[in-house]
Amino acid sequence: MEIFFGIITRQAIRRGSFDSVSELIDAIRRFIDGWNERCEPFVWTKDADIILAKAKRKTTSDTRH
């Protein structure tokens, strides 16, 4: 879902100008309708083991702010 939200943000929301919440909702619905008309599944370029191994080795710094 996170990938989809990134796509919809870049392609339908970020550069838009909306005078009301209903205009924003309409833009999102139009995007989703178009997406569903041409939908294709996401194709993962790496297998799950590679992705999970990379996620496990990431660490955060102990820097205090």
PDB file of N, CA and C in Angstrom:
ATOM      1  N   MET A   1       0.818  -1.193   0.000  1.00  0.00           N
ATOM      2  CA  MET A   1       0.000   0.000   0.000  1.00  0.00           C
ATOM      3  C   MET A   1       0.865   1.262   0.000  1.00  0.00           C
ATOM      4  N   GLU A   2       1.976   1.197   0.690  1.00  0.00           N
ATOM      5  CA  GLU A   2       2.841   2.367   0.775  1.00  0.00           C
ATOM      6  C   GLU A   2       3.325   2.797  -0.606  1.00  0.00           C
ATOM      7  N   ILE A   3       3.645   1.840  -1.452  1.00  0.00           N
ATOM      8  CA  ILE A   3       4.088   2.164  -2.810  1.00  0.00           C
ATOM      9  C   ILE A   3       2.960   2.843  -3.572  1.00  0.00           C
ATOM     10  N   PHE A   4       1.749   2.319  -3.454  1.00  0.00           N
ATOM     11  CA  PHE A   4       0.609   2.908  -4.154  1.00  0.00           C
ATOM     12  C   PHE A   4       0.361   4.334  -3.695  1.00  0.00           C
ATOM     13  N   PHE A   5       0.437   4.580  -2.393  1.00  0.00           N
ATOM     14  CA  PHE A   5       0.231   5.940  -1.896  1.00  0.00           C
ATOM     15  C   PHE A   5       1.300   6.891  -2.424  1.00  0.00           C
ATOM     16  N   GLY A   6       2.517   6.402  -2.568  1.00  0.00           N
ATOM     17  CA  GLY A   6       3.573   7.225  -3.154  1.00  0.00           C
ATOM     18  C   GLY A   6       3.268   7.578  -4.595  1.00  0.00           C
ATOM     19  N   ILE A   7       2.777   6.600  -5.354  1.00  0.00           N
ATOM     20  CA  ILE A   7       2.440   6.833  -6.754  1.00  0.00           C
ATOM     21  C   ILE A   7       1.296   7.826  -6.875  1.00  0.00           C
ATOM     22  N   ILE A   8       0.250   7.625  -6.112  1.00  0.00           N
ATOM     23  CA  ILE A   8      -0.903   8.520  -6.210  1.00  0.00           C
ATOM     24  C   ILE A   8      -0.533   9.939  -5.769  1.00  0.00           C
ATOM     25  N   THR A   9       0.336  10.043  -4.789  1.00  0.00           N
ATOM     26  CA  THR A   9       0.790  11.363  -4.342  1.00  0.00           C
ATOM     27  C   THR A   9       1.541  12.072  -5.453  1.00  0.00           C
ATOM     28  N   ARG A  10       2.482  11.376  -6.080  1.00  0.00           N
ATOM     29  CA  ARG A  10       3.282  11.987  -7.155  1.00  0.00           C
ATOM     30  C   ARG A  10       2.449  12.313  -8.383  1.00  0.00           C
ATOM     31  N   GLN A  11       1.545  11.423  -8.755  1.00  0.00           N
ATOM     32  CA  GLN A  11       0.854  11.564 -10.029  1.00  0.00           C
ATOM     33  C   GLN A  11      -0.477  12.294  -9.967  1.00  0.00           C
ATOM     34  N   ALA A  12      -1.096  12.371  -8.805  1.00  0.00           N
ATOM     35  CA  ALA A  12      -2.432  12.956  -8.757  1.00  0.00           C
ATOM     36  C   ALA A  12      -2.593  14.085  -7.752  1.00  0.00           C
ATOM     37  N   ILE A  13      -1.735  14.156  -6.761  1.00  0.00           N
ATOM     38  CA  ILE A  13      -1.985  15.108  -5.680  1.00  0.00           C
ATOM     39  C   ILE A  13      -0.949  16.215  -5.600  1.00  0.00           C
ATOM     40  N   ARG A  14       0.322  15.883  -5.619  1.00  0.00           N
ATOM     41  CA  ARG A  14       1.391  16.828  -5.291  1.00  0.00           C
ATOM     42  C   ARG A  14       1.315  18.132  -6.071  1.00  0.00           C
ATOM     43  N   ARG A  15       1.177  18.082  -7.369  1.00  0.00           N
ATOM     44  CA  ARG A  15       1.192  19.292  -8.176  1.00  0.00           C
ATOM     45  C   ARG A  15      -0.202  19.864  -8.426  1.00  0.00           C
ATOM     46  N   GLY A  16      -1.201  19.254  -7.816  1.00  0.00           N
ATOM     47  CA  GLY A  16      -2.566  19.696  -8.019  1.00  0.00           C
ATOM     48  C   GLY A  16      -2.913  20.919  -7.191  1.00  0.00           C
ATOM     49  N   SER A  17      -3.957  21.580  -7.615  1.00  0.00           N
ATOM     50  CA  SER A  17      -4.492  22.715  -6.873  1.00  0.00           C
ATOM     51  C   SER A  17      -5.965  22.422  -6.623  1.00  0.00           C
ATOM     52  N   PHE A  18      -6.324  22.314  -5.373  1.00  0.00           N
ATOM     53  CA  PHE A  18      -7.681  21.913  -5.024  1.00  0.00           C
ATOM     54  C   PHE A  18      -8.312  22.992  -4.153  1.00  0.00           C
ATOM     55  N   ASP A  19      -9.478  23.455  -4.588  1.00  0.00           N
ATOM     56  CA  ASP A  19     -10.175  24.510  -3.845  1.00  0.00           C
ATOM     57  C   ASP A  19     -11.031  23.970  -2.716  1.00  0.00           C
ATOM     58  N   SER A  20     -11.228  22.656  -2.698  1.00  0.00           N
ATOM     59  CA  SER A  20     -12.041  22.068  -1.634  1.00  0.00           C
ATOM     60  C   SER A  20     -11.642  20.610  -1.454  1.00  0.00           C
ATOM     61  N   VAL A  21     -12.087  20.060  -0.359  1.00  0.00           N
ATOM     62  CA  VAL A  21     -11.825  18.649  -0.085  1.00  0.00           C
ATOM     63  C   VAL A  21     -12.510  17.783  -1.143  1.00  0.00           C
ATOM     64  N   SER A  22     -13.695  18.186  -1.574  1.00  0.00           N
ATOM     65  CA  SER A  22     -14.400  17.375  -2.578  1.00  0.00           C
ATOM     66  C   SER A  22     -13.643  17.352  -3.904  1.00  0.00           C
ATOM     67  N   GLU A  23     -12.959  18.430  -4.271  1.00  0.00           N
ATOM     68  CA  GLU A  23     -12.124  18.425  -5.484  1.00  0.00           C
ATOM     69  C   GLU A  23     -10.949  17.458  -5.334  1.00  0.00           C
ATOM     70  N   LEU A  24     -10.351  17.438  -4.161  1.00  0.00           N
ATOM     71  CA  LEU A  24      -9.257  16.510  -3.886  1.00  0.00           C
ATOM     72  C   LEU A  24      -9.751  15.067  -3.973  1.00  0.00           C
ATOM     73  N   ILE A  25     -10.892  14.797  -3.372  1.00  0.00           N
ATOM     74  CA  ILE A  25     -11.470  13.450  -3.408  1.00  0.00           C
ATOM     75  C   ILE A  25     -11.778  13.045  -4.842  1.00  0.00           C
ATOM     76  N   ASP A  26     -12.328  13.970  -5.641  1.00  0.00           N
ATOM     77  CA  ASP A  26     -12.621  13.672  -7.044  1.00  0.00           C
ATOM     78  C   ASP A  26     -11.343  13.334  -7.816  1.00  0.00           C
ATOM     79  N   ALA A  27     -10.262  14.074  -7.564  1.00  0.00           N
ATOM     80  CA  ALA A  27      -8.989  13.811  -8.240  1.00  0.00           C
ATOM     81  C   ALA A  27      -8.459  12.429  -7.867  1.00  0.00           C
ATOM     82  N   ILE A  28      -8.567  12.078  -6.603  1.00  0.00           N
ATOM     83  CA  ILE A  28      -8.121  10.757  -6.149  1.00  0.00           C
ATOM     84  C   ILE A  28      -8.971   9.659  -6.786  1.00  0.00           C
ATOM     85  N   ARG A  29     -10.265   9.862  -6.830  1.00  0.00           N
ATOM     86  CA  ARG A  29     -11.150   8.850  -7.439  1.00  0.00           C
ATOM     87  C   ARG A  29     -10.875   8.688  -8.931  1.00  0.00           C
ATOM     88  N   ARG A  30     -10.639   9.806  -9.642  1.00  0.00           N
ATOM     89  CA  ARG A  30     -10.302   9.716 -11.065  1.00  0.00           C
ATOM     90  C   ARG A  30      -9.008   8.936 -11.267  1.00  0.00           C
ATOM     91  N   PHE A  31      -8.023   9.211 -10.412  1.00  0.00           N
ATOM     92  CA  PHE A  31      -6.761   8.482 -10.514  1.00  0.00           C
ATOM     93  C   PHE A  31      -6.981   6.993 -10.295  1.00  0.00           C
ATOM     94  N   ILE A  32      -7.720   6.634  -9.263  1.00  0.00           N
ATOM     95  CA  ILE A  32      -7.968   5.222  -8.952  1.00  0.00           C
ATOM     96  C   ILE A  32      -8.743   4.548 -10.079  1.00  0.00           C
ATOM     97  N   ASP A  33      -9.732   5.249 -10.641  1.00  0.00           N
ATOM     98  CA  ASP A  33     -10.490   4.669 -11.764  1.00  0.00           C
ATOM     99  C   ASP A  33      -9.560   4.402 -12.947  1.00  0.00           C
ATOM    100  N   GLY A  34      -8.702   5.362 -13.268  1.00  0.00           N
ATOM    101  CA  GLY A  34      -7.750   5.178 -14.362  1.00  0.00           C
ATOM    102  C   GLY A  34      -6.777   4.062 -14.065  1.00  0.00           C
ATOM    103  N   TRP A  35      -6.312   4.005 -12.828  1.00  0.00           N
ATOM    104  CA  TRP A  35      -5.374   2.954 -12.416  1.00  0.00           C
ATOM    105  C   TRP A  35      -6.019   1.578 -12.599  1.00  0.00           C
ATOM    106  N   ASN A  36      -7.276   1.457 -12.175  1.00  0.00           N
ATOM    107  CA  ASN A  36      -7.964   0.170 -12.267  1.00  0.00           C
ATOM    108  C   ASN A  36      -8.218  -0.245 -13.714  1.00  0.00           C
ATOM    109  N   GLU A  37      -8.388   0.728 -14.621  1.00  0.00           N
ATOM    110  CA  GLU A  37      -8.603   0.398 -16.030  1.00  0.00           C
ATOM    111  C   GLU A  37      -7.352  -0.210 -16.655  1.00  0.00           C
ATOM    112  N   ARG A  38      -6.187   0.236 -16.224  1.00  0.00           N
ATOM    113  CA  ARG A  38      -4.935  -0.237 -16.815  1.00  0.00           C
ATOM    114  C   ARG A  38      -4.085  -1.005 -15.813  1.00  0.00           C
ATOM    115  N   CYS A  39      -4.710  -1.521 -14.780  1.00  0.00           N
ATOM    116  CA  CYS A  39      -3.968  -2.135 -13.677  1.00  0.00           C
ATOM    117  C   CYS A  39      -3.104  -3.309 -14.119  1.00  0.00           C
ATOM    118  N   GLU A  40      -1.967  -3.358 -13.520  1.00  0.00           N
ATOM    119  CA  GLU A  40      -1.035  -4.454 -13.675  1.00  0.00           C
ATOM    120  C   GLU A  40      -0.422  -4.693 -12.305  1.00  0.00           C
ATOM    121  N   PRO A  41      -0.142  -5.934 -11.977  1.00  0.00           N
ATOM    122  CA  PRO A  41       0.451  -6.183 -10.659  1.00  0.00           C
ATOM    123  C   PRO A  41       1.868  -5.611 -10.582  1.00  0.00           C
ATOM    124  N   PHE A  42       2.269  -5.261  -9.381  1.00  0.00           N
ATOM    125  CA  PHE A  42       3.642  -4.830  -9.167  1.00  0.00           C
ATOM    126  C   PHE A  42       4.555  -6.028  -9.382  1.00  0.00           C
ATOM    127  N   VAL A  43       5.681  -5.796  -9.992  1.00  0.00           N
ATOM    128  CA  VAL A  43       6.647  -6.863 -10.218  1.00  0.00           C
ATOM    129  C   VAL A  43       7.838  -6.607  -9.311  1.00  0.00           C
ATOM    130  N   TRP A  44       8.074  -7.519  -8.392  1.00  0.00           N
ATOM    131  CA  TRP A  44       9.192  -7.384  -7.477  1.00  0.00           C
ATOM    132  C   TRP A  44      10.469  -7.781  -8.198  1.00  0.00           C
ATOM    133  N   THR A  45      11.508  -6.995  -8.059  1.00  0.00           N
ATOM    134  CA  THR A  45      12.760  -7.294  -8.747  1.00  0.00           C
ATOM    135  C   THR A  45      13.718  -8.111  -7.884  1.00  0.00           C
ATOM    136  N   LYS A  46      13.400  -8.253  -6.621  1.00  0.00           N
ATOM    137  CA  LYS A  46      14.223  -9.057  -5.715  1.00  0.00           C
ATOM    138  C   LYS A  46      13.306 -10.012  -4.960  1.00  0.00           C
ATOM    139  N   ASP A  47      13.863 -11.140  -4.566  1.00  0.00           N
ATOM    140  CA  ASP A  47      13.023 -12.061  -3.810  1.00  0.00           C
ATOM    141  C   ASP A  47      12.948 -11.621  -2.347  1.00  0.00           C
ATOM    142  N   ALA A  48      12.006 -12.177  -1.646  1.00  0.00           N
ATOM    143  CA  ALA A  48      11.729 -11.772  -0.265  1.00  0.00           C
ATOM    144  C   ALA A  48      12.938 -11.927   0.649  1.00  0.00           C
ATOM    145  N   ASP A  49      13.729 -12.971   0.472  1.00  0.00           N
ATOM    146  CA  ASP A  49      14.892 -13.190   1.338  1.00  0.00           C
ATOM    147  C   ASP A  49      15.898 -12.045   1.237  1.00  0.00           C
ATOM    148  N   ILE A  50      16.141 -11.548   0.040  1.00  0.00           N
ATOM    149  CA  ILE A  50      17.075 -10.434  -0.144  1.00  0.00           C
ATOM    150  C   ILE A  50      16.528  -9.159   0.511  1.00  0.00           C
ATOM    151  N   ILE A  51      15.256  -8.894   0.294  1.00  0.00           N
ATOM    152  CA  ILE A  51      14.638  -7.697   0.871  1.00  0.00           C
ATOM    153  C   ILE A  51      14.668  -7.748   2.395  1.00  0.00           C
ATOM    154  N   LEU A  52      14.299  -8.898   2.973  1.00  0.00           N
ATOM    155  CA  LEU A  52      14.269  -9.027   4.433  1.00  0.00           C
ATOM    156  C   LEU A  52      15.666  -8.943   5.031  1.00  0.00           C
ATOM    157  N   ALA A  53      16.653  -9.522   4.368  1.00  0.00           N
ATOM    158  CA  ALA A  53      18.029  -9.453   4.874  1.00  0.00           C
ATOM    159  C   ALA A  53      18.511  -8.010   4.905  1.00  0.00           C
ATOM    160  N   LYS A  54      18.181  -7.261   3.892  1.00  0.00           N
ATOM    161  CA  LYS A  54      18.594  -5.861   3.852  1.00  0.00           C
ATOM    162  C   LYS A  54      17.870  -5.058   4.938  1.00  0.00           C
ATOM    163  N   ALA A  55      16.609  -5.347   5.153  1.00  0.00           N
ATOM    164  CA  ALA A  55      15.845  -4.631   6.176  1.00  0.00           C
ATOM    165  C   ALA A  55      16.381  -4.916   7.572  1.00  0.00           C
ATOM    166  N   LYS A  56      16.810  -6.142   7.822  1.00  0.00           N
ATOM    167  CA  LYS A  56      17.316  -6.520   9.146  1.00  0.00           C
ATOM    168  C   LYS A  56      18.656  -5.872   9.465  1.00  0.00           C
ATOM    169  N   ARG A  57      19.489  -5.640   8.452  1.00  0.00           N
ATOM    170  CA  ARG A  57      20.812  -5.107   8.746  1.00  0.00           C
ATOM    171  C   ARG A  57      20.836  -3.594   8.909  1.00  0.00           C
ATOM    172  N   LYS A  58      19.740  -2.921   8.596  1.00  0.00           N
ATOM    173  CA  LYS A  58      19.698  -1.470   8.777  1.00  0.00           C
ATOM    174  C   LYS A  58      19.652  -1.148  10.263  1.00  0.00           C
ATOM    175  N   THR A  59      20.478  -0.216  10.674  1.00  0.00           N
ATOM    176  CA  THR A  59      20.463   0.216  12.055  1.00  0.00           C
ATOM    177  C   THR A  59      20.305   1.715  12.106  1.00  0.00           C
ATOM    178  N   THR A  60      19.854   2.181  13.204  1.00  0.00           N
ATOM    179  CA  THR A  60      19.728   3.625  13.381  1.00  0.00           C
ATOM    180  C   THR A  60      20.857   4.088  14.271  1.00  0.00           C
ATOM    181  N   SER A  61      21.223   5.308  14.117  1.00  0.00           N
ATOM    182  CA  SER A  61      22.301   5.841  14.958  1.00  0.00           C
ATOM    183  C   SER A  61      21.762   6.119  16.347  1.00  0.00           C
ATOM    184  N   ASP A  62      22.645   6.181  17.284  1.00  0.00           N
ATOM    185  CA  ASP A  62      22.254   6.479  18.666  1.00  0.00           C
ATOM    186  C   ASP A  62      22.389   7.951  18.984  1.00  0.00           C
ATOM    187  N   THR A  63      22.396   8.776  17.941  1.00  0.00           N
ATOM    188  CA  THR A  63      22.554  10.218  18.139  1.00  0.00           C
ATOM    189  C   THR A  63      21.336  10.779  18.841  1.00  0.00           C
ATOM    190  N   ARG A  64      21.608  11.591  19.836  1.00  0.00           N
ATOM    191  CA  ARG A  64      20.511  12.254  20.543  1.00  0.00           C
ATOM    192  C   ARG A  64      20.338  13.638  19.961  1.00  0.00           C
ATOM    193  N   HIS A  65      19.109  14.048  19.803  1.00  0.00           N
ATOM    194  CA  HIS A  65      18.817  15.378  19.247  1.00  0.00           C
ATOM    195  C   HIS A  65      18.176  16.242  20.283  1.00  0.00           C
TER     196      HIS A  65
END
